[in-house]
């Protein structure tokens, strides 16, 4: 399971999802109920387990083909950005 943030052709809103390899090719399962990939990471291993169950119980016909979505940066709002200017000599 590969976690992604994506936008579908029918919506301008970004959504967390998971890429799932099906017989017909890679598809994206919308992680309904998950706020964001950042939230999922911060929520810990139990939330990731719930996410796996969610994907496992998603019917293939409700998934969107990977070619029909726009992949976005998975972490849309990092908690901090480091430029490492203070560590130039290392």
C-alpha atoms as a PDB file:
ATOM      1  CA  UNK A   1       0.000   0.000   0.000  1.00  0.00           C
ATOM      2  CA  UNK A   2       1.432   3.342  -1.075  1.00  0.00           C
ATOM      3  CA  UNK A   3      -0.095   6.429   0.516  1.00  0.00           C
ATOM      4  CA  UNK A   4      -0.788   9.423  -1.717  1.00  0.00           C
ATOM      5  CA  UNK A   5      -2.597  12.723  -1.810  1.00  0.00           C
ATOM      6  CA  UNK A   6      -4.581  13.079  -5.002  1.00  0.00           C
ATOM      7  CA  UNK A   7      -7.142  15.122  -6.874  1.00  0.00           C
ATOM      8  CA  UNK A   8      -9.702  13.425  -9.117  1.00  0.00           C
ATOM      9  CA  UNK A   9     -10.923  14.684 -12.473  1.00  0.00           C
ATOM     10  CA  UNK A  10     -14.353  15.367 -10.962  1.00  0.00           C
ATOM     11  CA  UNK A  11     -13.255  17.337  -7.885  1.00  0.00           C
ATOM     12  CA  UNK A  12     -10.834  20.148  -7.135  1.00  0.00           C
ATOM     13  CA  UNK A  13     -10.415  19.035  -3.509  1.00  0.00           C
ATOM     14  CA  UNK A  14      -7.304  17.081  -2.538  1.00  0.00           C
ATOM     15  CA  UNK A  15      -7.901  13.740  -0.808  1.00  0.00           C
ATOM     16  CA  UNK A  16      -5.727  11.169   0.946  1.00  0.00           C
ATOM     17  CA  UNK A  17      -5.625   7.832  -0.793  1.00  0.00           C
ATOM     18  CA  UNK A  18      -3.728   4.604  -1.281  1.00  0.00           C
ATOM     19  CA  UNK A  19      -2.449   3.122  -4.515  1.00  0.00           C
ATOM     20  CA  UNK A  20      -3.621  -0.452  -4.889  1.00  0.00           C
ATOM     21  CA  UNK A  21      -2.383  -2.834  -7.585  1.00  0.00           C
ATOM     22  CA  UNK A  22      -5.341  -4.607  -9.181  1.00  0.00           C
ATOM     23  CA  UNK A  23      -5.415  -7.037 -12.104  1.00  0.00           C
ATOM     24  CA  UNK A  24      -6.611  -4.177 -14.306  1.00  0.00           C
ATOM     25  CA  UNK A  25      -3.713  -1.945 -13.239  1.00  0.00           C
ATOM     26  CA  UNK A  26      -2.977   0.497 -10.416  1.00  0.00           C
ATOM     27  CA  UNK A  27      -5.964   2.242  -8.836  1.00  0.00           C
ATOM     28  CA  UNK A  28      -6.402   4.793  -6.050  1.00  0.00           C
ATOM     29  CA  UNK A  29      -8.621   3.995  -3.087  1.00  0.00           C
ATOM     30  CA  UNK A  30     -10.051   7.125  -1.459  1.00  0.00           C
ATOM     31  CA  UNK A  31      -9.335   6.999   2.274  1.00  0.00           C
ATOM     32  CA  UNK A  32     -12.763   8.156   3.388  1.00  0.00           C
ATOM     33  CA  UNK A  33     -12.689   9.348   6.980  1.00  0.00           C
ATOM     34  CA  UNK A  34      -8.941  10.059   6.978  1.00  0.00           C
ATOM     35  CA  UNK A  35      -8.298  13.817   7.117  1.00  0.00           C
ATOM     36  CA  UNK A  36      -4.854  13.861   5.512  1.00  0.00           C
ATOM     37  CA  UNK A  37      -1.657  11.878   5.162  1.00  0.00           C
ATOM     38  CA  UNK A  38      -0.112  14.152   7.816  1.00  0.00           C
ATOM     39  CA  UNK A  39      -2.901  13.257  10.224  1.00  0.00           C
ATOM     40  CA  UNK A  40      -2.492   9.560   9.450  1.00  0.00           C
ATOM     41  CA  UNK A  41       1.256   9.654  10.155  1.00  0.00           C
ATOM     42  CA  UNK A  42       0.736  11.615  13.372  1.00  0.00           C
ATOM     43  CA  UNK A  43      -1.989   9.260  14.580  1.00  0.00           C
ATOM     44  CA  UNK A  44       0.429   6.340  14.794  1.00  0.00           C
ATOM     45  CA  UNK A  45       0.428   2.648  14.030  1.00  0.00           C
ATOM     46  CA  UNK A  46      -3.183   2.000  15.073  1.00  0.00           C
ATOM     47  CA  UNK A  47      -4.433   4.543  12.518  1.00  0.00           C
ATOM     48  CA  UNK A  48      -2.282   2.912   9.836  1.00  0.00           C
ATOM     49  CA  UNK A  49      -3.822  -0.456  10.720  1.00  0.00           C
ATOM     50  CA  UNK A  50      -7.308   1.069  10.374  1.00  0.00           C
ATOM     51  CA  UNK A  51      -6.214   2.495   7.022  1.00  0.00           C
ATOM     52  CA  UNK A  52      -5.097  -0.959   5.817  1.00  0.00           C
ATOM     53  CA  UNK A  53      -8.475  -2.409   6.834  1.00  0.00           C
ATOM     54  CA  UNK A  54     -10.266   0.422   5.044  1.00  0.00           C
ATOM     55  CA  UNK A  55      -8.378  -0.277   1.824  1.00  0.00           C
ATOM     56  CA  UNK A  56      -8.877  -4.045   2.138  1.00  0.00           C
ATOM     57  CA  UNK A  57     -12.640  -3.537   2.450  1.00  0.00           C
ATOM     58  CA  UNK A  58     -12.934  -1.094  -0.462  1.00  0.00           C
ATOM     59  CA  UNK A  59     -14.522  -2.627  -3.568  1.00  0.00           C
ATOM     60  CA  UNK A  60     -12.410  -2.375  -6.699  1.00  0.00           C
ATOM     61  CA  UNK A  61     -15.286  -0.791  -8.620  1.00  0.00           C
ATOM     62  CA  UNK A  62     -15.238   2.234  -6.287  1.00  0.00           C
ATOM     63  CA  UNK A  63     -11.522   2.836  -6.831  1.00  0.00           C
ATOM     64  CA  UNK A  64     -10.276   5.303  -9.433  1.00  0.00           C
ATOM     65  CA  UNK A  65      -7.692   4.291 -12.044  1.00  0.00           C
ATOM     66  CA  UNK A  66      -4.346   5.897 -11.300  1.00  0.00           C
ATOM     67  CA  UNK A  67      -4.291   7.454 -14.782  1.00  0.00           C
ATOM     68  CA  UNK A  68      -7.505   9.364 -13.952  1.00  0.00           C
ATOM     69  CA  UNK A  69      -6.121  11.221 -10.923  1.00  0.00           C
ATOM     70  CA  UNK A  70      -3.538  13.924 -10.364  1.00  0.00           C
ATOM     71  CA  UNK A  71      -0.996  12.945  -7.719  1.00  0.00           C
ATOM     72  CA  UNK A  72      -0.019  15.755  -5.353  1.00  0.00           C
ATOM     73  CA  UNK A  73       2.704  16.050  -2.737  1.00  0.00           C
ATOM     74  CA  UNK A  74       1.760  13.499  -0.063  1.00  0.00           C
ATOM     75  CA  UNK A  75       2.706  15.870   2.768  1.00  0.00           C
ATOM     76  CA  UNK A  76       0.913  19.071   1.818  1.00  0.00           C
ATOM     77  CA  UNK A  77       1.778  21.132   4.910  1.00  0.00           C
ATOM     78  CA  UNK A  78       4.976  20.021   6.645  1.00  0.00           C
ATOM     79  CA  UNK A  79       5.275  20.950  10.313  1.00  0.00           C
ATOM     80  CA  UNK A  80       8.625  22.585   9.651  1.00  0.00           C
ATOM     81  CA  UNK A  81      11.001  23.266   6.801  1.00  0.00           C
ATOM     82  CA  UNK A  82      14.725  23.147   7.446  1.00  0.00           C
ATOM     83  CA  UNK A  83      17.202  24.826   5.133  1.00  0.00           C
ATOM     84  CA  UNK A  84      20.314  23.591   6.987  1.00  0.00           C
ATOM     85  CA  UNK A  85      22.099  26.922   6.408  1.00  0.00           C
ATOM     86  CA  UNK A  86      23.479  26.673   9.951  1.00  0.00           C
ATOM     87  CA  UNK A  87      25.191  23.374   9.051  1.00  0.00           C
ATOM     88  CA  UNK A  88      27.028  24.359   5.859  1.00  0.00           C
ATOM     89  CA  UNK A  89      30.407  23.133   7.142  1.00  0.00           C
ATOM     90  CA  UNK A  90      29.247  19.612   7.935  1.00  0.00           C
END
